[in-house]
Amino acid sequence: MVSSQRERAVKYNLGLDVLLPDLGGLIPAGGRIETGEANPSAVYYDTADRDLLRHHITLAHHTDGTDTGWHLTVPADKARTDIRTPSADRDAVPDELTTLVTGIALGEPLHRVATLSTTRRTHRLLDRDEHLLAEIADDLVHATVAGDAALVSEWREIDIMLGDEGKKPLLTTVGTRLTRAGASPSTHTSTLDHAFAGDHTPTGVDFDSPAQEALTVYLDTQVQAIVAGDVWLRRGLDPIHSTRVGIRRFRSTLRVFKKLFDAETATHLGAELSWYAGILGEVRDRQVQRTRFATAVAGLPTELVMGPVAARIETDLLAEQHRYRGHAMDALGSDRYRDLIAAVGRWRTAPPWAAAATDSAVTKATRKAGRKANKRLTAAVADPDDAALHRARKAAKRARYAAELAVPILGKKKAKKTTKKYKKIQKILGEHQDSVVAAQTLRTLGARAGATPGENGFAFGLLYALEQQAAQRARADAARLAH
């Protein structure tokens, strides 16, 4: 039985002899602070090359008296998800968790890599109704890293985790008090990452410029979405959209800022990301169309819906969706996919730079992406070919994503204005493209219905005409934006 839990947490380092600041003023009237002590321990598993750690994922067996079992922690969406399965056996990773990390582990076996023992004092901030606002764990950590010679280290860290009723500003307030007491935000992505720091494992990145940091952090965020998507797919969940968005943003960065990266490496990775995105896209298209067509059919007058129209749409598209999801799962087990995951893992902290990533280089590339998007939009609205509008849409996406990335360089106000402009263009052109694709699908479904006894293609033809009208409206809206 696997369960998952979303967590919102921040971590600080604090000297061994420094007193924790007073927390009394952080609770509302009628609330209280509940303290406790525990001695949790954890045995961590990873590949010999520490592939999980490279992607900020941890897999461990935890024991603390109240919560004994396996935890797989996966970062995503600026938070982390803790997947848990109870088991007293700390020497054998459960098969279900091994399966979830197969892609990230690149098919390599998992070994015990570290043991962490902690002396913990907890402070639970409760409101008057006994709802948990936050839990502050004051940990003295003793770590032993496995290797030819065991590496032993000890440090103190403060982990702040919001409760279900906690608000993000509380994290900031607690962090401010800790900083005033002498604490510093942890530079490590996890406690395990800290343990490996003395083993000369890369735990951070030194940037040559704000622009290089902006590019690297942006790419790392997209890899996080791709990696989390891998785990969620293997869990049987639906991360298709978020994974594809991460891939699009990554590919866009490779294209817009191509002069900064090694051309051969970037071109190859872009092609491989496109391959995987295409596989996921087949699934996503059916998901979108099922919802779109169901809504459209429900909006038609009853007398115009001749035959089992809704059933035909749902049956055909759902069958196709399942088939293409099967193709996606097959891809996850391929050598080609494992090579892709290994490649994006290298880009997380060490993109293959070909030129200095300066503020001026990022600004210049971002502006160029905007000019290209404007030019393509102007040309597309005068071109009757639907493909021209689709190309303009992709250019608008690249301009939008470049502005998102360049916030630290352009400034929030200017970047936000640019992002808003191209997001609007992208939305309108997306509506056009959705209608074009939907019309093609309806034509196919209508042909099947028309050739099947007991069915009728009339409603499909009507829906087809409505999609064509929607495409024309979107084209007109795009023409107004181009002027």
Protein backbone atom coordinates (compact mmCIF):
# COMPACT_ATOMS: atom_id res chain seq x y z
CA MET A 1 0.00 0.00 0.00
CA VAL A 2 1.60 3.24 -1.14
CA SER A 3 0.41 6.61 0.14
CA SER A 4 1.66 10.07 -0.70
CA GLN A 5 1.87 13.32 1.21
CA ARG A 6 2.59 16.81 -0.06
CA GLU A 7 5.03 18.84 2.01
CA ARG A 8 6.01 22.50 2.10
CA ALA A 9 9.27 22.93 3.96
CA VAL A 10 12.46 24.94 4.26
CA LYS A 11 15.70 24.02 5.95
CA TYR A 12 18.29 26.04 7.90
CA ASN A 13 21.69 25.29 9.41
CA LEU A 14 22.38 26.38 12.97
CA GLY A 15 25.41 26.16 15.21
CA LEU A 16 25.48 23.33 17.74
CA ASP A 17 25.50 25.65 20.74
CA VAL A 18 23.04 28.32 19.49
CA LEU A 19 19.68 28.57 21.23
CA LEU A 20 16.53 28.31 19.14
CA PRO A 21 14.74 31.70 19.11
CA ASP A 22 11.46 32.22 20.99
CA LEU A 23 8.49 30.99 18.93
CA GLY A 24 5.73 32.17 21.26
CA GLY A 25 4.75 35.19 19.18
CA LEU A 26 4.08 33.08 16.10
CA ILE A 27 0.88 31.43 17.31
CA PRO A 28 -2.56 33.08 17.21
CA ALA A 29 -4.58 33.87 20.32
CA GLY A 30 -5.70 30.70 22.02
CA GLY A 31 -3.07 28.61 20.27
CA ARG A 32 -0.19 26.74 21.81
CA ILE A 33 3.19 25.14 21.14
CA GLU A 34 3.47 21.40 21.59
CA THR A 35 6.99 20.08 22.08
CA GLY A 36 8.29 16.56 21.71
CA GLU A 37 11.43 14.51 21.34
CA ALA A 38 12.33 11.68 18.99
CA ASN A 39 15.31 9.78 17.69
CA PRO A 40 14.58 8.99 14.03
CA SER A 41 17.00 7.11 11.85
CA ALA A 42 17.08 6.49 8.12
CA VAL A 43 18.94 4.16 5.79
CA TYR A 44 19.25 5.62 2.28
CA TYR A 45 19.48 3.79 -1.01
CA ASP A 46 20.75 4.97 -4.39
CA THR A 47 22.72 3.75 -7.38
CA ALA A 48 26.49 3.57 -7.34
CA ASP A 49 26.56 6.85 -9.30
CA ARG A 50 23.95 8.42 -7.01
CA ASP A 51 21.49 9.05 -9.81
CA LEU A 52 18.59 9.67 -7.42
CA LEU A 53 20.53 12.30 -5.51
CA ARG A 54 21.42 14.02 -8.79
CA HIS A 55 17.71 14.60 -9.30
CA HIS A 56 17.11 15.61 -5.66
CA ILE A 57 15.16 12.39 -5.03
CA THR A 58 15.65 10.37 -1.86
CA LEU A 59 14.67 6.79 -1.09
CA ALA A 60 15.05 5.62 2.48
CA HIS A 61 13.76 3.37 5.22
CA HIS A 62 12.80 5.49 8.24
CA THR A 63 12.43 4.46 11.86
CA ASP A 64 11.31 6.82 14.60
CA GLY A 65 8.96 4.75 16.74
CA THR A 66 5.76 6.15 15.23
CA ASP A 67 6.50 6.12 11.52
CA THR A 68 8.47 3.09 10.40
CA GLY A 69 8.63 2.39 6.71
CA TRP A 70 9.90 3.44 3.31
CA HIS A 71 9.77 7.02 2.01
CA LEU A 72 10.37 8.10 -1.59
CA THR A 73 10.61 11.89 -1.72
CA VAL A 74 10.18 13.57 -5.10
CA PRO A 75 10.41 17.36 -5.62
CA ALA A 76 7.85 18.96 -7.96
CA ASP A 77 6.05 22.28 -8.33
CA LYS A 78 8.22 24.04 -5.73
CA ALA A 79 7.19 21.45 -3.15
CA ARG A 80 7.91 17.80 -2.52
CA THR A 81 5.80 14.70 -2.46
CA ASP A 82 6.59 12.00 0.06
CA ILE A 83 5.46 8.56 -1.16
CA ARG A 84 5.28 6.11 1.72
CA THR A 85 4.85 2.40 2.16
CA PRO A 86 4.98 0.73 5.58
CA SER A 87 7.56 -1.99 6.13
CA ALA A 88 9.81 -3.04 8.98
CA ASP A 89 12.37 -4.52 6.58
CA ARG A 90 15.05 -1.93 5.93
CA ASP A 91 17.31 -4.22 3.90
CA ALA A 92 15.08 -4.77 0.86
CA VAL A 93 13.57 -1.90 -1.13
CA PRO A 94 9.89 -2.69 -1.85
CA ASP A 95 9.26 -3.66 -5.46
CA GLU A 96 6.68 -0.89 -5.94
CA LEU A 97 9.21 1.79 -5.01
CA THR A 98 11.97 0.19 -7.06
CA THR A 99 9.62 0.36 -10.05
CA LEU A 100 8.90 4.05 -9.48
CA VAL A 101 12.58 5.02 -9.63
CA THR A 102 13.63 2.64 -12.40
CA GLY A 103 13.84 5.45 -14.96
CA ILE A 104 15.70 7.85 -12.69
CA ALA A 105 18.08 5.09 -11.59
CA LEU A 106 18.77 4.38 -15.29
CA GLY A 107 18.04 0.71 -14.69
CA GLU A 108 20.94 0.36 -12.24
CA PRO A 109 20.59 -1.57 -8.95
CA LEU A 110 20.01 0.25 -5.68
CA HIS A 111 22.48 -0.05 -2.79
CA ARG A 112 22.67 1.26 0.75
CA VAL A 113 24.63 4.52 0.51
CA ALA A 114 24.19 6.24 3.87
CA THR A 115 22.75 5.98 7.38
CA LEU A 116 21.51 9.03 9.27
CA SER A 117 20.67 9.05 12.99
CA THR A 118 19.01 12.13 14.46
CA THR A 119 18.32 13.54 17.89
CA ARG A 120 15.20 15.64 17.29
CA ARG A 121 13.25 18.14 19.32
CA THR A 122 10.00 19.22 17.68
CA HIS A 123 7.92 22.35 18.17
CA ARG A 124 4.38 22.05 16.77
CA LEU A 125 2.56 25.37 16.37
CA LEU A 126 -1.19 24.84 16.89
CA ASP A 127 -4.10 27.27 16.61
CA ARG A 128 -6.98 27.45 19.09
CA ASP A 129 -8.74 24.60 17.29
CA GLU A 130 -5.69 22.37 17.54
CA HIS A 131 -4.96 22.68 13.80
CA LEU A 132 -1.30 22.34 12.89
CA LEU A 133 0.16 25.57 11.50
CA ALA A 134 3.77 24.44 11.30
CA GLU A 135 6.21 21.98 12.76
CA ILE A 136 9.76 23.05 13.52
CA ALA A 137 12.23 20.20 13.92
CA ASP A 138 15.53 21.00 15.64
CA ASP A 139 17.82 18.16 14.53
CA LEU A 140 21.29 17.07 15.55
CA VAL A 141 22.25 14.77 12.68
CA HIS A 142 24.89 12.05 12.75
CA ALA A 143 25.68 10.71 9.27
CA THR A 144 27.69 7.73 8.03
CA VAL A 145 28.30 7.55 4.28
CA ALA A 146 29.15 4.14 2.85
CA GLY A 147 32.27 3.70 0.74
CA ASP A 148 35.74 2.19 0.72
CA ALA A 149 36.16 4.05 3.99
CA ALA A 150 33.09 5.18 5.91
CA LEU A 151 32.74 8.95 6.17
CA VAL A 152 31.25 10.22 9.45
CA SER A 153 29.94 13.76 10.05
CA GLU A 154 27.67 15.67 12.42
CA TRP A 155 25.71 18.92 12.14
CA ARG A 156 22.59 20.71 13.32
CA GLU A 157 19.72 21.70 11.05
CA ILE A 158 16.29 23.24 11.51
CA ASP A 159 13.50 21.91 9.30
CA ILE A 160 10.31 24.00 9.07
CA MET A 161 7.25 22.30 7.57
CA LEU A 162 3.88 23.95 7.14
CA GLY A 163 0.82 22.15 8.41
CA ASP A 164 -2.50 21.90 6.58
CA GLU A 165 -3.64 25.20 8.10
CA GLY A 166 -0.28 26.94 7.76
CA LYS A 167 0.32 29.84 5.37
CA LYS A 168 3.52 30.50 3.44
CA PRO A 169 4.24 33.84 5.20
CA LEU A 170 4.74 31.83 8.38
CA LEU A 171 7.76 30.15 6.76
CA THR A 172 9.26 33.60 6.11
CA THR A 173 8.60 34.80 9.64
CA VAL A 174 10.18 31.75 11.25
CA GLY A 175 13.09 31.99 8.83
CA THR A 176 13.68 35.64 9.77
CA ARG A 177 13.85 34.77 13.47
CA LEU A 178 16.24 31.93 12.80
CA THR A 179 18.49 34.16 10.70
CA ARG A 180 18.63 36.75 13.48
CA ALA A 181 19.67 33.98 15.86
CA GLY A 182 22.59 33.08 13.59
CA ALA A 183 21.06 30.43 11.33
CA SER A 184 21.60 30.38 7.58
CA PRO A 185 19.46 28.86 4.82
CA SER A 186 20.74 25.41 3.95
CA THR A 187 22.60 25.19 0.67
CA HIS A 188 21.78 21.49 0.49
CA THR A 189 18.71 20.10 -1.24
CA SER A 190 18.22 17.48 1.47
CA THR A 191 19.73 16.06 4.63
CA LEU A 192 21.26 13.28 2.55
CA ASP A 193 22.79 15.84 0.21
CA HIS A 194 24.42 17.44 3.27
CA ALA A 195 25.79 14.08 4.37
CA PHE A 196 27.48 13.59 1.01
CA ALA A 197 29.00 17.08 0.99
CA GLY A 198 32.11 15.87 2.75
CA ASP A 199 32.43 13.04 0.26
CA HIS A 200 33.21 15.53 -2.52
CA THR A 201 29.85 14.96 -4.14
CA PRO A 202 28.70 18.14 -5.95
CA THR A 203 25.97 19.70 -3.80
CA GLY A 204 25.79 23.17 -5.25
CA VAL A 205 26.69 25.20 -8.29
CA ASP A 206 28.99 28.21 -8.54
CA PHE A 207 27.68 30.64 -11.14
CA ASP A 208 29.82 33.02 -13.15
CA SER A 209 27.01 35.54 -13.61
CA PRO A 210 23.35 36.20 -12.74
CA ALA A 211 22.49 35.26 -16.32
CA GLN A 212 24.18 31.88 -16.03
CA GLU A 213 22.35 31.28 -12.76
CA ALA A 214 19.01 32.25 -14.34
CA LEU A 215 19.53 29.85 -17.24
CA THR A 216 20.70 26.96 -15.06
CA VAL A 217 17.95 27.35 -12.48
CA TYR A 218 15.31 27.57 -15.22
CA LEU A 219 16.58 24.42 -16.91
CA ASP A 220 16.79 22.63 -13.57
CA THR A 221 13.14 23.49 -12.87
CA GLN A 222 12.08 21.95 -16.18
CA VAL A 223 14.10 18.80 -15.51
CA GLN A 224 12.34 18.58 -12.16
CA ALA A 225 8.98 18.49 -13.99
CA ILE A 226 10.24 15.83 -16.40
CA VAL A 227 11.66 13.66 -13.62
CA ALA A 228 8.55 13.98 -11.43
CA GLY A 229 6.50 13.07 -14.49
CA ASP A 230 8.49 9.87 -14.88
CA VAL A 231 7.67 8.79 -11.33
CA TRP A 232 4.00 9.79 -11.60
CA LEU A 233 3.55 7.90 -14.87
CA ARG A 234 4.94 4.76 -13.27
CA ARG A 235 2.48 5.28 -10.40
CA GLY A 236 -0.39 5.22 -12.88
CA LEU A 237 -1.12 8.95 -12.43
CA ASP A 238 -1.54 11.63 -15.09
CA PRO A 239 1.43 14.02 -15.30
CA ILE A 240 1.22 14.27 -19.11
CA HIS A 241 0.47 18.00 -19.30
CA SER A 242 3.03 19.16 -16.70
CA THR A 243 5.71 16.94 -18.22
CA ARG A 244 5.08 18.29 -21.72
CA VAL A 245 5.18 21.88 -20.43
CA GLY A 246 8.56 21.16 -18.81
CA ILE A 247 9.84 19.70 -22.07
CA ARG A 248 8.54 22.66 -24.10
CA ARG A 249 10.22 25.15 -21.80
CA PHE A 250 13.48 23.21 -21.92
CA ARG A 251 13.44 22.95 -25.72
CA SER A 252 12.53 26.61 -26.02
CA THR A 253 15.53 27.56 -23.89
CA LEU A 254 17.82 25.46 -26.07
CA ARG A 255 16.54 27.25 -29.16
CA VAL A 256 16.32 30.85 -27.96
CA PHE A 257 19.69 30.79 -26.21
CA LYS A 258 21.38 28.38 -28.63
CA LYS A 259 24.49 30.54 -29.05
CA LEU A 260 25.35 29.96 -25.39
CA PHE A 261 25.34 26.14 -25.56
CA ASP A 262 27.43 23.56 -27.38
CA ALA A 263 25.56 23.25 -30.67
CA GLU A 264 25.90 19.51 -31.23
CA THR A 265 24.94 18.57 -27.67
CA ALA A 266 21.98 20.95 -27.57
CA THR A 267 20.69 19.88 -30.98
CA HIS A 268 20.78 16.20 -30.05
CA LEU A 269 19.06 16.76 -26.73
CA GLY A 270 16.42 18.94 -28.36
CA ALA A 271 15.64 16.17 -30.85
CA GLU A 272 15.35 13.56 -28.09
CA LEU A 273 13.06 15.79 -26.02
CA SER A 274 10.93 16.32 -29.12
CA TRP A 275 10.68 12.54 -29.58
CA TYR A 276 9.44 12.02 -26.03
CA ALA A 277 7.11 15.03 -26.16
CA GLY A 278 5.55 13.62 -29.33
CA ILE A 279 4.76 10.33 -27.60
CA LEU A 280 3.14 12.12 -24.67
CA GLY A 281 1.35 14.48 -27.04
CA GLU A 282 -0.68 11.67 -28.53
CA VAL A 283 -2.06 10.90 -25.08
CA ARG A 284 -2.69 14.55 -24.25
CA ASP A 285 -4.54 15.21 -27.52
CA ARG A 286 -7.09 12.50 -26.73
CA GLN A 287 -7.54 13.76 -23.18
CA VAL A 288 -8.25 17.29 -24.38
CA GLN A 289 -10.55 16.20 -27.20
CA ARG A 290 -12.64 13.89 -25.02
CA THR A 291 -13.46 16.79 -22.70
CA ARG A 292 -13.90 19.25 -25.56
CA PHE A 293 -16.26 17.08 -27.57
CA ALA A 294 -18.30 15.95 -24.56
CA THR A 295 -18.97 19.59 -23.72
CA ALA A 296 -19.80 20.39 -27.35
CA VAL A 297 -22.27 17.50 -27.69
CA ALA A 298 -23.96 18.44 -24.41
CA GLY A 299 -24.47 21.94 -25.81
CA LEU A 300 -26.30 20.78 -28.96
CA PRO A 301 -30.10 20.65 -29.17
CA THR A 302 -31.24 17.09 -28.44
CA GLU A 303 -32.98 16.72 -31.80
CA LEU A 304 -29.70 17.35 -33.63
CA VAL A 305 -27.78 14.60 -31.81
CA MET A 306 -28.68 11.64 -34.01
CA GLY A 307 -27.38 8.29 -32.85
CA PRO A 308 -24.91 7.40 -30.08
CA VAL A 309 -22.66 10.41 -30.75
CA ALA A 310 -21.28 10.83 -27.21
CA ALA A 311 -20.65 7.09 -26.93
CA ARG A 312 -18.81 7.00 -30.26
CA ILE A 313 -16.56 9.89 -29.21
CA GLU A 314 -15.79 8.51 -25.75
CA THR A 315 -15.27 4.93 -26.89
CA ASP A 316 -12.99 5.73 -29.81
CA LEU A 317 -10.92 8.43 -28.15
CA LEU A 318 -10.55 6.61 -24.82
CA ALA A 319 -9.35 3.49 -26.66
CA GLU A 320 -6.80 5.58 -28.55
CA GLN A 321 -5.73 7.31 -25.33
CA HIS A 322 -5.08 3.98 -23.62
CA ARG A 323 -3.16 2.71 -26.64
CA TYR A 324 -0.92 5.75 -26.77
CA ARG A 325 -0.37 5.67 -23.00
CA GLY A 326 0.84 2.10 -23.52
CA HIS A 327 3.31 3.43 -26.08
CA ALA A 328 4.48 5.98 -23.52
CA MET A 329 5.03 3.29 -20.90
CA ASP A 330 6.98 1.24 -23.44
CA ALA A 331 9.16 4.28 -24.12
CA LEU A 332 9.95 4.61 -20.39
CA GLY A 333 11.59 1.18 -20.52
CA SER A 334 13.75 1.90 -23.56
CA ASP A 335 17.47 2.56 -23.69
CA ARG A 336 16.73 5.72 -25.67
CA TYR A 337 14.65 7.11 -22.82
CA ARG A 338 17.26 6.21 -20.20
CA ASP A 339 19.86 8.05 -22.27
CA LEU A 340 17.53 11.06 -22.33
CA ILE A 341 17.11 11.08 -18.55
CA ALA A 342 20.86 10.74 -18.10
CA ALA A 343 21.41 13.68 -20.46
CA VAL A 344 18.96 16.06 -18.77
CA GLY A 345 20.49 15.07 -15.43
CA ARG A 346 23.85 16.39 -16.62
CA TRP A 347 22.24 19.66 -17.70
CA ARG A 348 20.78 20.25 -14.21
CA THR A 349 24.04 21.61 -12.85
CA ALA A 350 26.45 21.67 -15.78
CA PRO A 351 24.98 22.79 -19.11
CA PRO A 352 27.59 22.54 -21.90
CA TRP A 353 28.40 26.22 -22.24
CA ALA A 354 29.89 27.40 -25.53
CA ALA A 355 29.91 31.10 -24.69
CA ALA A 356 29.69 33.27 -21.60
CA ALA A 357 26.13 33.62 -20.32
CA THR A 358 26.12 37.35 -19.70
CA ASP A 359 23.23 39.66 -18.91
CA SER A 360 23.57 41.29 -22.31
CA ALA A 361 23.54 37.91 -24.10
CA VAL A 362 20.33 36.86 -22.34
CA THR A 363 18.69 40.24 -22.95
CA LYS A 364 19.64 40.19 -26.63
CA ALA A 365 18.32 36.65 -27.17
CA THR A 366 15.08 37.42 -25.33
CA ARG A 367 14.42 40.51 -27.42
CA LYS A 368 15.20 38.60 -30.60
CA ALA A 369 12.66 35.92 -29.62
CA GLY A 370 10.05 38.65 -29.19
CA ARG A 371 10.78 40.23 -32.55
CA LYS A 372 10.57 36.86 -34.24
CA ALA A 373 7.21 36.12 -32.60
CA ASN A 374 5.85 39.50 -33.74
CA LYS A 375 7.09 38.96 -37.29
CA ARG A 376 5.61 35.47 -37.52
CA LEU A 377 2.26 36.64 -36.19
CA THR A 378 2.05 39.46 -38.75
CA ALA A 379 2.93 37.10 -41.60
CA ALA A 380 0.61 34.31 -40.36
CA VAL A 381 -2.59 36.36 -40.22
CA ALA A 382 -2.09 37.23 -43.90
CA ASP A 383 -1.45 33.59 -44.83
CA PRO A 384 -4.50 31.32 -45.33
CA ASP A 385 -2.43 28.27 -44.36
CA ASP A 386 -3.30 27.19 -40.81
CA ALA A 387 0.26 25.92 -40.36
CA ALA A 388 1.54 29.51 -40.40
CA LEU A 389 -0.54 30.38 -37.35
CA HIS A 390 0.72 27.26 -35.61
CA ARG A 391 4.32 28.33 -36.26
CA ALA A 392 3.49 31.78 -34.92
CA ARG A 393 2.05 30.19 -31.80
CA LYS A 394 5.26 28.27 -31.15
CA ALA A 395 7.28 31.46 -31.61
CA ALA A 396 5.03 33.24 -29.10
CA LYS A 397 5.63 30.43 -26.60
CA ARG A 398 9.37 30.78 -27.00
CA ALA A 399 9.15 34.54 -26.47
CA ARG A 400 7.03 34.01 -23.36
CA TYR A 401 9.31 31.38 -21.86
CA ALA A 402 12.40 33.47 -22.58
CA ALA A 403 10.85 36.39 -20.69
CA GLU A 404 10.02 34.09 -17.76
CA LEU A 405 13.61 32.93 -17.62
CA ALA A 406 14.99 36.45 -17.90
CA VAL A 407 13.11 37.91 -14.91
CA PRO A 408 16.34 38.32 -12.85
CA ILE A 409 17.92 40.14 -15.81
CA LEU A 410 15.06 42.25 -17.21
CA GLY A 411 13.38 42.93 -13.88
CA LYS A 412 9.98 41.70 -12.74
CA LYS A 413 7.92 44.56 -14.18
CA LYS A 414 9.31 44.43 -17.69
CA ALA A 415 9.46 40.64 -17.83
CA LYS A 416 5.89 40.35 -16.54
CA LYS A 417 4.64 42.73 -19.22
CA THR A 418 6.40 40.79 -21.96
CA THR A 419 5.22 37.45 -20.60
CA LYS A 420 1.62 38.67 -20.44
CA LYS A 421 1.73 39.87 -24.06
CA TYR A 422 2.97 36.61 -25.52
CA LYS A 423 0.83 34.48 -23.24
CA LYS A 424 -2.23 36.22 -24.71
CA ILE A 425 -1.02 35.60 -28.26
CA GLN A 426 -0.25 31.99 -27.38
CA LYS A 427 -3.74 31.52 -25.93
CA ILE A 428 -5.55 32.84 -28.99
CA LEU A 429 -3.39 30.91 -31.43
CA GLY A 430 -3.81 27.86 -29.23
CA GLU A 431 -7.57 28.15 -29.56
CA HIS A 432 -7.13 28.24 -33.34
CA GLN A 433 -4.89 25.19 -33.34
CA ASP A 434 -7.22 23.27 -31.03
CA SER A 435 -10.11 23.90 -33.42
CA VAL A 436 -8.06 22.86 -36.45
CA VAL A 437 -7.02 19.58 -34.80
CA ALA A 438 -10.52 19.00 -33.41
CA ALA A 439 -12.07 19.45 -36.87
CA GLN A 440 -9.74 16.84 -38.32
CA THR A 441 -10.65 14.36 -35.58
CA LEU A 442 -14.38 15.01 -36.00
CA ARG A 443 -14.11 14.36 -39.71
CA THR A 444 -12.57 10.94 -38.97
CA LEU A 445 -15.15 10.09 -36.30
CA GLY A 446 -17.99 11.22 -38.54
CA ALA A 447 -16.80 9.02 -41.39
CA ARG A 448 -16.75 6.02 -39.06
CA ALA A 449 -20.22 6.77 -37.73
CA GLY A 450 -21.62 7.29 -41.20
CA ALA A 451 -20.42 3.85 -42.29
CA THR A 452 -21.70 2.07 -39.15
CA PRO A 453 -25.26 0.67 -39.01
CA GLY A 454 -27.36 2.41 -36.37
CA GLU A 455 -25.20 5.53 -36.35
CA ASN A 456 -25.37 8.85 -38.15
CA GLY A 457 -22.66 11.30 -39.19
CA PHE A 458 -24.90 14.39 -39.05
CA ALA A 459 -23.93 15.58 -35.55
CA PHE A 460 -20.25 15.14 -36.34
CA GLY A 461 -20.65 17.33 -39.39
CA LEU A 462 -22.37 19.96 -37.29
CA LEU A 463 -19.59 19.87 -34.69
CA TYR A 464 -17.06 20.06 -37.51
CA ALA A 465 -18.69 23.25 -38.80
CA LEU A 466 -18.71 24.77 -35.30
CA GLU A 467 -14.98 24.07 -34.94
CA GLN A 468 -14.32 25.75 -38.28
CA GLN A 469 -16.23 28.80 -37.08
CA ALA A 470 -14.21 28.82 -33.86
CA ALA A 471 -10.99 28.67 -35.86
CA GLN A 472 -12.11 31.66 -37.94
CA ARG A 473 -12.92 33.66 -34.81
CA ALA A 474 -9.49 32.87 -33.37
CA ARG A 475 -7.87 33.92 -36.65
CA ALA A 476 -9.74 37.24 -36.51
CA ASP A 477 -8.66 37.77 -32.89
CA ALA A 478 -5.07 37.06 -33.87
CA ALA A 479 -5.29 39.56 -36.73
CA ARG A 480 -6.34 42.27 -34.27
CA LEU A 481 -3.35 41.47 -32.05
CA ALA A 482 -1.01 41.79 -35.02
CA HIS A 483 -1.92 45.44 -35.56
